[in-house]
Amino acid sequence: MQEMLSYIVKNLVSNPDAVEIVAENQGKTKVYKVKVDDKDLGCVIGRGGVIANAIRTVVKSTSDKKERIVIKFDSK
């Protein structure tokens, strides 16, 4: 799951070396914290959060239905 998320985000940004993804388990919830360069945050979120929601949809559709997935985007 984390590899797919990394692949998607790194292909959207101009500085793929700065992408960091940290996965945390919080009970039945899996939280992915995606950190990108300050300049690339807009590329990952998109206007009105459209790209961020699309990333969440793709990742959630491939996940196990028993666990909840949360993806948070932040800049470094």
PDB file of N, CA and C in Angstrom:
ATOM      1  N   MET A   1       0.820  -1.186   0.000  1.00  0.00           N
ATOM      2  CA  MET A   1       0.000   0.000   0.000  1.00  0.00           C
ATOM      3  C   MET A   1       0.873   1.262   0.000  1.00  0.00           C
ATOM      4  N   GLN A   2       1.880   1.272   0.856  1.00  0.00           N
ATOM      5  CA  GLN A   2       2.756   2.426   0.970  1.00  0.00           C
ATOM      6  C   GLN A   2       3.565   2.631  -0.312  1.00  0.00           C
ATOM      7  N   GLU A   3       3.925   1.538  -0.974  1.00  0.00           N
ATOM      8  CA  GLU A   3       4.681   1.648  -2.217  1.00  0.00           C
ATOM      9  C   GLU A   3       3.831   2.286  -3.313  1.00  0.00           C
ATOM     10  N   MET A   4       2.563   1.917  -3.382  1.00  0.00           N
ATOM     11  CA  MET A   4       1.677   2.487  -4.380  1.00  0.00           C
ATOM     12  C   MET A   4       1.464   3.977  -4.121  1.00  0.00           C
ATOM     13  N   LEU A   5       1.260   4.340  -2.871  1.00  0.00           N
ATOM     14  CA  LEU A   5       1.086   5.738  -2.507  1.00  0.00           C
ATOM     15  C   LEU A   5       2.345   6.536  -2.853  1.00  0.00           C
ATOM     16  N   SER A   6       3.502   5.965  -2.572  1.00  0.00           N
ATOM     17  CA  SER A   6       4.764   6.612  -2.897  1.00  0.00           C
ATOM     18  C   SER A   6       4.909   6.807  -4.403  1.00  0.00           C
ATOM     19  N   TYR A   7       4.557   5.798  -5.181  1.00  0.00           N
ATOM     20  CA  TYR A   7       4.642   5.868  -6.637  1.00  0.00           C
ATOM     21  C   TYR A   7       3.754   6.987  -7.188  1.00  0.00           C
ATOM     22  N   ILE A   8       2.544   7.081  -6.688  1.00  0.00           N
ATOM     23  CA  ILE A   8       1.607   8.101  -7.165  1.00  0.00           C
ATOM     24  C   ILE A   8       2.118   9.492  -6.834  1.00  0.00           C
ATOM     25  N   VAL A   9       2.521   9.704  -5.590  1.00  0.00           N
ATOM     26  CA  VAL A   9       2.946  11.036  -5.157  1.00  0.00           C
ATOM     27  C   VAL A   9       4.238  11.449  -5.855  1.00  0.00           C
ATOM     28  N   LYS A  10       5.194  10.540  -5.974  1.00  0.00           N
ATOM     29  CA  LYS A  10       6.471  10.892  -6.606  1.00  0.00           C
ATOM     30  C   LYS A  10       6.311  11.249  -8.072  1.00  0.00           C
ATOM     31  N   ASN A  11       5.296  10.722  -8.739  1.00  0.00           N
ATOM     32  CA  ASN A  11       5.066  11.078 -10.133  1.00  0.00           C
ATOM     33  C   ASN A  11       4.314  12.396 -10.294  1.00  0.00           C
ATOM     34  N   LEU A  12       3.788  12.944  -9.223  1.00  0.00           N
ATOM     35  CA  LEU A  12       3.086  14.226  -9.286  1.00  0.00           C
ATOM     36  C   LEU A  12       3.983  15.416  -8.983  1.00  0.00           C
ATOM     37  N   VAL A  13       5.019  15.210  -8.190  1.00  0.00           N
ATOM     38  CA  VAL A  13       5.839  16.317  -7.702  1.00  0.00           C
ATOM     39  C   VAL A  13       7.056  16.544  -8.584  1.00  0.00           C
ATOM     40  N   SER A  14       7.646  17.732  -8.439  1.00  0.00           N
ATOM     41  CA  SER A  14       8.844  18.048  -9.214  1.00  0.00           C
ATOM     42  C   SER A  14      10.118  17.617  -8.484  1.00  0.00           C
ATOM     43  N   ASN A  15      10.028  17.380  -7.174  1.00  0.00           N
ATOM     44  CA  ASN A  15      11.182  16.949  -6.385  1.00  0.00           C
ATOM     45  C   ASN A  15      10.831  15.621  -5.696  1.00  0.00           C
ATOM     46  N   PRO A  16      10.916  14.498  -6.421  1.00  0.00           N
ATOM     47  CA  PRO A  16      10.493  13.217  -5.834  1.00  0.00           C
ATOM     48  C   PRO A  16      11.407  12.717  -4.713  1.00  0.00           C
ATOM     49  N   ASP A  17      12.637  13.239  -4.635  1.00  0.00           N
ATOM     50  CA  ASP A  17      13.538  12.810  -3.566  1.00  0.00           C
ATOM     51  C   ASP A  17      13.111  13.342  -2.204  1.00  0.00           C
ATOM     52  N   ALA A  18      12.305  14.381  -2.186  1.00  0.00           N
ATOM     53  CA  ALA A  18      11.882  14.989  -0.921  1.00  0.00           C
ATOM     54  C   ALA A  18      10.616  14.346  -0.347  1.00  0.00           C
ATOM     55  N   VAL A  19      10.043  13.391  -1.037  1.00  0.00           N
ATOM     56  CA  VAL A  19       8.805  12.760  -0.578  1.00  0.00           C
ATOM     57  C   VAL A  19       9.115  11.778   0.553  1.00  0.00           C
ATOM     58  N   GLU A  20       8.397  11.929   1.654  1.00  0.00           N
ATOM     59  CA  GLU A  20       8.503  11.014   2.801  1.00  0.00           C
ATOM     60  C   GLU A  20       7.110  10.528   3.155  1.00  0.00           C
ATOM     61  N   ILE A  21       6.986   9.231   3.359  1.00  0.00           N
ATOM     62  CA  ILE A  21       5.700   8.661   3.757  1.00  0.00           C
ATOM     63  C   ILE A  21       5.915   7.828   5.011  1.00  0.00           C
ATOM     64  N   VAL A  22       5.177   8.158   6.052  1.00  0.00           N
ATOM     65  CA  VAL A  22       5.266   7.450   7.321  1.00  0.00           C
ATOM     66  C   VAL A  22       3.911   6.804   7.597  1.00  0.00           C
ATOM     67  N   ALA A  23       3.927   5.514   7.888  1.00  0.00           N
ATOM     68  CA  ALA A  23       2.692   4.789   8.188  1.00  0.00           C
ATOM     69  C   ALA A  23       2.611   4.523   9.687  1.00  0.00           C
ATOM     70  N   GLU A  24       1.444   4.775  10.260  1.00  0.00           N
ATOM     71  CA  GLU A  24       1.215   4.532  11.679  1.00  0.00           C
ATOM     72  C   GLU A  24      -0.073   3.737  11.845  1.00  0.00           C
ATOM     73  N   ASN A  25      -0.074   2.813  12.776  1.00  0.00           N
ATOM     74  CA  ASN A  25      -1.279   2.069  13.121  1.00  0.00           C
ATOM     75  C   ASN A  25      -1.900   2.691  14.356  1.00  0.00           C
ATOM     76  N   GLN A  26      -3.180   2.993  14.260  1.00  0.00           N
ATOM     77  CA  GLN A  26      -3.920   3.534  15.393  1.00  0.00           C
ATOM     78  C   GLN A  26      -5.193   2.713  15.548  1.00  0.00           C
ATOM     79  N   GLY A  27      -5.037   1.568  16.180  1.00  0.00           N
ATOM     80  CA  GLY A  27      -6.172   0.657  16.318  1.00  0.00           C
ATOM     81  C   GLY A  27      -6.485   0.008  14.987  1.00  0.00           C
ATOM     82  N   LYS A  28      -7.719   0.162  14.525  1.00  0.00           N
ATOM     83  CA  LYS A  28      -8.120  -0.386  13.228  1.00  0.00           C
ATOM     84  C   LYS A  28      -7.894   0.617  12.094  1.00  0.00           C
ATOM     85  N   THR A  29      -7.264   1.738  12.418  1.00  0.00           N
ATOM     86  CA  THR A  29      -7.022   2.789  11.435  1.00  0.00           C
ATOM     87  C   THR A  29      -5.544   2.828  11.067  1.00  0.00           C
ATOM     88  N   LYS A  30      -5.266   2.905   9.782  1.00  0.00           N
ATOM     89  CA  LYS A  30      -3.897   3.044   9.273  1.00  0.00           C
ATOM     90  C   LYS A  30      -3.764   4.475   8.763  1.00  0.00           C
ATOM     91  N   VAL A  31      -2.828   5.239   9.347  1.00  0.00           N
ATOM     92  CA  VAL A  31      -2.629   6.637   8.987  1.00  0.00           C
ATOM     93  C   VAL A  31      -1.332   6.763   8.202  1.00  0.00           C
ATOM     94  N   TYR A  32      -1.430   7.319   7.003  1.00  0.00           N
ATOM     95  CA  TYR A  32      -0.257   7.596   6.173  1.00  0.00           C
ATOM     96  C   TYR A  32      -0.024   9.102   6.182  1.00  0.00           C
ATOM     97  N   LYS A  33       1.157   9.505   6.635  1.00  0.00           N
ATOM     98  CA  LYS A  33       1.522  10.923   6.637  1.00  0.00           C
ATOM     99  C   LYS A  33       2.484  11.148   5.479  1.00  0.00           C
ATOM    100  N   VAL A  34       2.032  11.922   4.505  1.00  0.00           N
ATOM    101  CA  VAL A  34       2.811  12.191   3.301  1.00  0.00           C
ATOM    102  C   VAL A  34       3.384  13.590   3.414  1.00  0.00           C
ATOM    103  N   LYS A  35       4.716  13.685   3.387  1.00  0.00           N
ATOM    104  CA  LYS A  35       5.386  14.983   3.447  1.00  0.00           C
ATOM    105  C   LYS A  35       6.103  15.217   2.131  1.00  0.00           C
ATOM    106  N   VAL A  36       5.865  16.403   1.559  1.00  0.00           N
ATOM    107  CA  VAL A  36       6.487  16.785   0.298  1.00  0.00           C
ATOM    108  C   VAL A  36       7.146  18.154   0.470  1.00  0.00           C
ATOM    109  N   ASP A  37       7.893  18.555  -0.524  1.00  0.00           N
ATOM    110  CA  ASP A  37       8.534  19.867  -0.535  1.00  0.00           C
ATOM    111  C   ASP A  37       7.465  20.960  -0.524  1.00  0.00           C
ATOM    112  N   ASP A  38       7.798  22.130   0.028  1.00  0.00           N
ATOM    113  CA  ASP A  38       6.838  23.232   0.110  1.00  0.00           C
ATOM    114  C   ASP A  38       6.259  23.600  -1.252  1.00  0.00           C
ATOM    115  N   LYS A  39       7.095  23.578  -2.279  1.00  0.00           N
ATOM    116  CA  LYS A  39       6.654  23.961  -3.622  1.00  0.00           C
ATOM    117  C   LYS A  39       5.707  22.928  -4.235  1.00  0.00           C
ATOM    118  N   ASP A  40       5.800  21.689  -3.799  1.00  0.00           N
ATOM    119  CA  ASP A  40       5.019  20.610  -4.395  1.00  0.00           C
ATOM    120  C   ASP A  40       3.707  20.316  -3.675  1.00  0.00           C
ATOM    121  N   LEU A  41       3.453  20.971  -2.578  1.00  0.00           N
ATOM    122  CA  LEU A  41       2.237  20.678  -1.814  1.00  0.00           C
ATOM    123  C   LEU A  41       0.983  20.978  -2.629  1.00  0.00           C
ATOM    124  N   GLY A  42       0.999  22.047  -3.388  1.00  0.00           N
ATOM    125  CA  GLY A  42      -0.142  22.394  -4.226  1.00  0.00           C
ATOM    126  C   GLY A  42      -0.395  21.372  -5.322  1.00  0.00           C
ATOM    127  N   CYS A  43       0.680  20.772  -5.830  1.00  0.00           N
ATOM    128  CA  CYS A  43       0.537  19.752  -6.879  1.00  0.00           C
ATOM    129  C   CYS A  43      -0.115  18.489  -6.334  1.00  0.00           C
ATOM    130  N   VAL A  44       0.147  18.177  -5.089  1.00  0.00           N
ATOM    131  CA  VAL A  44      -0.389  16.958  -4.485  1.00  0.00           C
ATOM    132  C   VAL A  44      -1.827  17.160  -4.018  1.00  0.00           C
ATOM    133  N   ILE A  45      -2.141  18.345  -3.523  1.00  0.00           N
ATOM    134  CA  ILE A  45      -3.494  18.604  -3.029  1.00  0.00           C
ATOM    135  C   ILE A  45      -4.435  18.984  -4.167  1.00  0.00           C
ATOM    136  N   GLY A  46      -3.988  19.844  -5.061  1.00  0.00           N
ATOM    137  CA  GLY A  46      -4.824  20.262  -6.183  1.00  0.00           C
ATOM    138  C   GLY A  46      -5.821  21.330  -5.783  1.00  0.00           C
ATOM    139  N   ARG A  47      -6.463  21.891  -6.773  1.00  0.00           N
ATOM    140  CA  ARG A  47      -7.427  22.963  -6.523  1.00  0.00           C
ATOM    141  C   ARG A  47      -8.658  22.393  -5.841  1.00  0.00           C
ATOM    142  N   GLY A  48      -8.914  22.874  -4.651  1.00  0.00           N
ATOM    143  CA  GLY A  48     -10.072  22.401  -3.895  1.00  0.00           C
ATOM    144  C   GLY A  48      -9.908  20.995  -3.341  1.00  0.00           C
ATOM    145  N   GLY A  49      -8.680  20.478  -3.367  1.00  0.00           N
ATOM    146  CA  GLY A  49      -8.423  19.147  -2.828  1.00  0.00           C
ATOM    147  C   GLY A  49      -8.805  18.009  -3.756  1.00  0.00           C
ATOM    148  N   VAL A  50      -8.974  18.306  -5.036  1.00  0.00           N
ATOM    149  CA  VAL A  50      -9.429  17.300  -5.997  1.00  0.00           C
ATOM    150  C   VAL A  50      -8.412  16.178  -6.160  1.00  0.00           C
ATOM    151  N   ILE A  51      -7.133  16.523  -6.290  1.00  0.00           N
ATOM    152  CA  ILE A  51      -6.105  15.495  -6.485  1.00  0.00           C
ATOM    153  C   ILE A  51      -5.924  14.680  -5.209  1.00  0.00           C
ATOM    154  N   ALA A  52      -5.928  15.343  -4.055  1.00  0.00           N
ATOM    155  CA  ALA A  52      -5.794  14.627  -2.784  1.00  0.00           C
ATOM    156  C   ALA A  52      -6.934  13.629  -2.590  1.00  0.00           C
ATOM    157  N   ASN A  53      -8.141  14.028  -2.931  1.00  0.00           N
ATOM    158  CA  ASN A  53      -9.281  13.118  -2.811  1.00  0.00           C
ATOM    159  C   ASN A  53      -9.180  11.956  -3.789  1.00  0.00           C
ATOM    160  N   ALA A  54      -8.646  12.218  -4.976  1.00  0.00           N
ATOM    161  CA  ALA A  54      -8.465  11.142  -5.949  1.00  0.00           C
ATOM    162  C   ALA A  54      -7.422  10.141  -5.453  1.00  0.00           C
ATOM    163  N   ILE A  55      -6.341  10.630  -4.861  1.00  0.00           N
ATOM    164  CA  ILE A  55      -5.316   9.737  -4.298  1.00  0.00           C
ATOM    165  C   ILE A  55      -5.927   8.892  -3.191  1.00  0.00           C
ATOM    166  N   ARG A  56      -6.705   9.513  -2.316  1.00  0.00           N
ATOM    167  CA  ARG A  56      -7.356   8.775  -1.226  1.00  0.00           C
ATOM    168  C   ARG A  56      -8.293   7.698  -1.771  1.00  0.00           C
ATOM    169  N   THR A  57      -9.026   8.016  -2.809  1.00  0.00           N
ATOM    170  CA  THR A  57      -9.962   7.060  -3.395  1.00  0.00           C
ATOM    171  C   THR A  57      -9.241   5.849  -3.962  1.00  0.00           C
ATOM    172  N   VAL A  58      -8.148   6.082  -4.685  1.00  0.00           N
ATOM    173  CA  VAL A  58      -7.394   4.983  -5.286  1.00  0.00           C
ATOM    174  C   VAL A  58      -6.797   4.090  -4.207  1.00  0.00           C
ATOM    175  N   VAL A  59      -6.203   4.695  -3.191  1.00  0.00           N
ATOM    176  CA  VAL A  59      -5.565   3.908  -2.133  1.00  0.00           C
ATOM    177  C   VAL A  59      -6.609   3.131  -1.334  1.00  0.00           C
ATOM    178  N   LYS A  60      -7.727   3.762  -1.013  1.00  0.00           N
ATOM    179  CA  LYS A  60      -8.770   3.075  -0.249  1.00  0.00           C
ATOM    180  C   LYS A  60      -9.417   1.942  -1.033  1.00  0.00           C
ATOM    181  N   SER A  61      -9.498   2.088  -2.341  1.00  0.00           N
ATOM    182  CA  SER A  61     -10.122   1.041  -3.144  1.00  0.00           C
ATOM    183  C   SER A  61      -9.273  -0.225  -3.206  1.00  0.00           C
ATOM    184  N   THR A  62      -7.983  -0.106  -2.998  1.00  0.00           N
ATOM    185  CA  THR A  62      -7.112  -1.274  -3.020  1.00  0.00           C
ATOM    186  C   THR A  62      -6.817  -1.815  -1.629  1.00  0.00           C
ATOM    187  N   SER A  63      -7.357  -1.179  -0.605  1.00  0.00           N
ATOM    188  CA  SER A  63      -7.059  -1.606   0.760  1.00  0.00           C
ATOM    189  C   SER A  63      -7.985  -2.716   1.218  1.00  0.00           C
ATOM    190  N   ASP A  64      -7.630  -3.297   2.353  1.00  0.00           N
ATOM    191  CA  ASP A  64      -8.472  -4.281   3.007  1.00  0.00           C
ATOM    192  C   ASP A  64      -9.680  -3.549   3.584  1.00  0.00           C
ATOM    193  N   LYS A  65     -10.847  -4.039   3.352  1.00  0.00           N
ATOM    194  CA  LYS A  65     -12.070  -3.353   3.774  1.00  0.00           C
ATOM    195  C   LYS A  65     -12.249  -3.346   5.295  1.00  0.00           C
ATOM    196  N   LYS A  66     -11.461  -4.127   5.998  1.00  0.00           N
ATOM    197  CA  LYS A  66     -11.604  -4.198   7.461  1.00  0.00           C
ATOM    198  C   LYS A  66     -10.912  -3.046   8.168  1.00  0.00           C
ATOM    199  N   GLU A  67      -9.912  -2.432   7.512  1.00  0.00           N
ATOM    200  CA  GLU A  67      -9.213  -1.346   8.175  1.00  0.00           C
ATOM    201  C   GLU A  67      -9.535  -0.015   7.507  1.00  0.00           C
ATOM    202  N   ARG A  68      -9.510   1.021   8.290  1.00  0.00           N
ATOM    203  CA  ARG A  68      -9.795   2.367   7.815  1.00  0.00           C
ATOM    204  C   ARG A  68      -8.479   3.008   7.408  1.00  0.00           C
ATOM    205  N   ILE A  69      -8.469   3.726   6.292  1.00  0.00           N
ATOM    206  CA  ILE A  69      -7.275   4.372   5.787  1.00  0.00           C
ATOM    207  C   ILE A  69      -7.452   5.882   5.865  1.00  0.00           C
ATOM    208  N   VAL A  70      -6.448   6.567   6.428  1.00  0.00           N
ATOM    209  CA  VAL A  70      -6.436   8.028   6.489  1.00  0.00           C
ATOM    210  C   VAL A  70      -5.109   8.487   5.886  1.00  0.00           C
ATOM    211  N   ILE A  71      -5.185   9.455   4.968  1.00  0.00           N
ATOM    212  CA  ILE A  71      -3.981   9.989   4.347  1.00  0.00           C
ATOM    213  C   ILE A  71      -3.937  11.486   4.637  1.00  0.00           C
ATOM    214  N   LYS A  72      -2.824  11.919   5.244  1.00  0.00           N
ATOM    215  CA  LYS A  72      -2.633  13.330   5.587  1.00  0.00           C
ATOM    216  C   LYS A  72      -1.469  13.869   4.773  1.00  0.00           C
ATOM    217  N   PHE A  73      -1.660  15.039   4.175  1.00  0.00           N
ATOM    218  CA  PHE A  73      -0.627  15.666   3.364  1.00  0.00           C
ATOM    219  C   PHE A  73      -0.081  16.876   4.113  1.00  0.00           C
ATOM    220  N   ASP A  74       1.259  17.043   4.061  1.00  0.00           N
ATOM    221  CA  ASP A  74       1.911  18.130   4.757  1.00  0.00           C
ATOM    222  C   ASP A  74       3.192  18.492   4.009  1.00  0.00           C
ATOM    223  N   SER A  75       3.693  19.698   4.257  1.00  0.00           N
ATOM    224  CA  SER A  75       4.963  20.092   3.658  1.00  0.00           C
ATOM    225  C   SER A  75       6.064  20.011   4.701  1.00  0.00           C
ATOM    226  N   LYS A  76       7.284  19.976   4.231  1.00  0.00           N
ATOM    227  CA  LYS A  76       8.429  19.870   5.143  1.00  0.00           C
ATOM    228  C   LYS A  76       8.805  21.213   5.693  1.00  0.00           C
TER     229      LYS A  76
END
